Amino acid sequence: MTGFIADNVNNEVLASVISVESSIRTIMTAIIALAFGIIADNFGIGAAFVSLTTFLLFSSIAINNYKNKKVF
């Protein structure tokens, strides 16, 4: 991902873009860890794995469908 960003972003703002990308990744990881902990405390580890895996699977499918949608 960093190589793709480096190839497609102006060199003057490259460090800022990579920093933002890293921050977003960290925030998303923290949110997923928090959700896993809450679900695991209430329903068990198995339910946490299944529910978060299902959520991430469907959200990635939805994002890919949205990105690949052609506008005429």
C-alpha atoms as a PDB file:
ATOM      1  CA  MET A   1       0.000   0.000   0.000  1.00  0.00           C
ATOM      2  CA  THR A   2       2.815   2.410   0.805  1.00  0.00           C
ATOM      3  CA  GLY A   3       4.405   1.819  -2.595  1.00  0.00           C
ATOM      4  CA  PHE A   4       1.097   2.515  -4.343  1.00  0.00           C
ATOM      5  CA  ILE A   5       0.689   5.739  -2.384  1.00  0.00           C
ATOM      6  CA  ALA A   6       4.281   6.782  -3.112  1.00  0.00           C
ATOM      7  CA  ASP A   7       3.750   6.261  -6.838  1.00  0.00           C
ATOM      8  CA  ASN A   8       0.484   8.215  -7.002  1.00  0.00           C
ATOM      9  CA  VAL A   9       1.000  11.119  -4.586  1.00  0.00           C
ATOM     10  CA  ASN A  10       2.991  14.290  -5.076  1.00  0.00           C
ATOM     11  CA  ASN A  11       6.356  14.115  -3.283  1.00  0.00           C
ATOM     12  CA  GLU A  12       5.693  17.389  -1.455  1.00  0.00           C
ATOM     13  CA  VAL A  13       2.821  15.891   0.554  1.00  0.00           C
ATOM     14  CA  LEU A  14       3.914  12.244   0.612  1.00  0.00           C
ATOM     15  CA  ALA A  15       4.944  12.203   4.283  1.00  0.00           C
ATOM     16  CA  SER A  16       1.613  13.711   5.353  1.00  0.00           C
ATOM     17  CA  VAL A  17      -0.400  11.236   3.298  1.00  0.00           C
ATOM     18  CA  ILE A  18       1.522   8.257   4.671  1.00  0.00           C
ATOM     19  CA  SER A  19       1.104   9.614   8.205  1.00  0.00           C
ATOM     20  CA  VAL A  20      -2.662   9.972   7.743  1.00  0.00           C
ATOM     21  CA  GLU A  21      -2.872   6.462   6.251  1.00  0.00           C
ATOM     22  CA  SER A  22      -1.010   5.067   9.258  1.00  0.00           C
ATOM     23  CA  SER A  23      -3.235   6.956  11.698  1.00  0.00           C
ATOM     24  CA  ILE A  24      -6.411   5.713  10.011  1.00  0.00           C
ATOM     25  CA  ARG A  25      -5.121   2.141  10.122  1.00  0.00           C
ATOM     26  CA  THR A  26      -4.342   2.496  13.842  1.00  0.00           C
ATOM     27  CA  ILE A  27      -7.776   3.945  14.626  1.00  0.00           C
ATOM     28  CA  MET A  28      -9.546   1.187  12.679  1.00  0.00           C
ATOM     29  CA  THR A  29      -7.522  -1.479  14.496  1.00  0.00           C
ATOM     30  CA  ALA A  30      -8.393   0.059  17.857  1.00  0.00           C
ATOM     31  CA  ILE A  31     -12.110   0.130  16.980  1.00  0.00           C
ATOM     32  CA  ILE A  32     -12.048  -3.510  15.871  1.00  0.00           C
ATOM     33  CA  ALA A  33     -10.190  -4.529  19.057  1.00  0.00           C
ATOM     34  CA  LEU A  34     -12.709  -2.644  21.204  1.00  0.00           C
ATOM     35  CA  ALA A  35     -15.647  -4.254  19.411  1.00  0.00           C
ATOM     36  CA  PHE A  36     -14.042  -7.684  19.770  1.00  0.00           C
ATOM     37  CA  GLY A  37     -13.548  -7.150  23.496  1.00  0.00           C
ATOM     38  CA  ILE A  38     -17.114  -5.993  24.087  1.00  0.00           C
ATOM     39  CA  ILE A  39     -18.637  -8.856  22.089  1.00  0.00           C
ATOM     40  CA  ALA A  40     -16.292 -11.421  23.706  1.00  0.00           C
ATOM     41  CA  ASP A  41     -17.192 -10.214  27.210  1.00  0.00           C
ATOM     42  CA  ASN A  42     -20.909 -10.445  26.535  1.00  0.00           C
ATOM     43  CA  PHE A  43     -21.221 -13.478  24.243  1.00  0.00           C
ATOM     44  CA  GLY A  44     -17.894 -15.330  24.201  1.00  0.00           C
ATOM     45  CA  ILE A  45     -14.812 -15.448  22.012  1.00  0.00           C
ATOM     46  CA  GLY A  46     -16.400 -17.597  19.314  1.00  0.00           C
ATOM     47  CA  ALA A  47     -19.274 -15.189  18.830  1.00  0.00           C
ATOM     48  CA  ALA A  48     -16.811 -12.283  18.675  1.00  0.00           C
ATOM     49  CA  PHE A  49     -14.785 -13.987  15.940  1.00  0.00           C
ATOM     50  CA  VAL A  50     -17.857 -14.916  13.917  1.00  0.00           C
ATOM     51  CA  SER A  51     -19.596 -11.555  14.223  1.00  0.00           C
ATOM     52  CA  LEU A  52     -16.543  -9.437  13.424  1.00  0.00           C
ATOM     53  CA  THR A  53     -15.505 -11.704  10.567  1.00  0.00           C
ATOM     54  CA  THR A  54     -19.003 -11.478   9.109  1.00  0.00           C
ATOM     55  CA  PHE A  55     -19.067  -7.703   9.508  1.00  0.00           C
ATOM     56  CA  LEU A  56     -15.638  -7.262   7.886  1.00  0.00           C
ATOM     57  CA  LEU A  57     -16.526  -9.638   5.044  1.00  0.00           C
ATOM     58  CA  PHE A  58     -19.779  -7.874   4.186  1.00  0.00           C
ATOM     59  CA  SER A  59     -18.274  -4.406   4.557  1.00  0.00           C
ATOM     60  CA  SER A  60     -15.374  -5.285   2.230  1.00  0.00           C
ATOM     61  CA  ILE A  61     -17.828  -6.685  -0.337  1.00  0.00           C
ATOM     62  CA  ALA A  62     -19.930  -3.527  -0.089  1.00  0.00           C
ATOM     63  CA  ILE A  63     -16.880  -1.272  -0.472  1.00  0.00           C
ATOM     64  CA  ASN A  64     -15.644  -3.232  -3.511  1.00  0.00           C
ATOM     65  CA  ASN A  65     -19.081  -3.085  -5.114  1.00  0.00           C
ATOM     66  CA  TYR A  66     -19.267   0.657  -4.482  1.00  0.00           C
ATOM     67  CA  LYS A  67     -15.760   1.247  -5.893  1.00  0.00           C
ATOM     68  CA  ASN A  68     -16.427  -0.850  -8.985  1.00  0.00           C
ATOM     69  CA  LYS A  69     -19.787   0.786  -9.697  1.00  0.00           C
ATOM     70  CA  LYS A  70     -19.620   2.448 -13.100  1.00  0.00           C
ATOM     71  CA  VAL A  71     -21.224   5.824 -13.574  1.00  0.00           C
ATOM     72  CA  PHE A  72     -22.539   6.516 -17.062  1.00  0.00           C
END
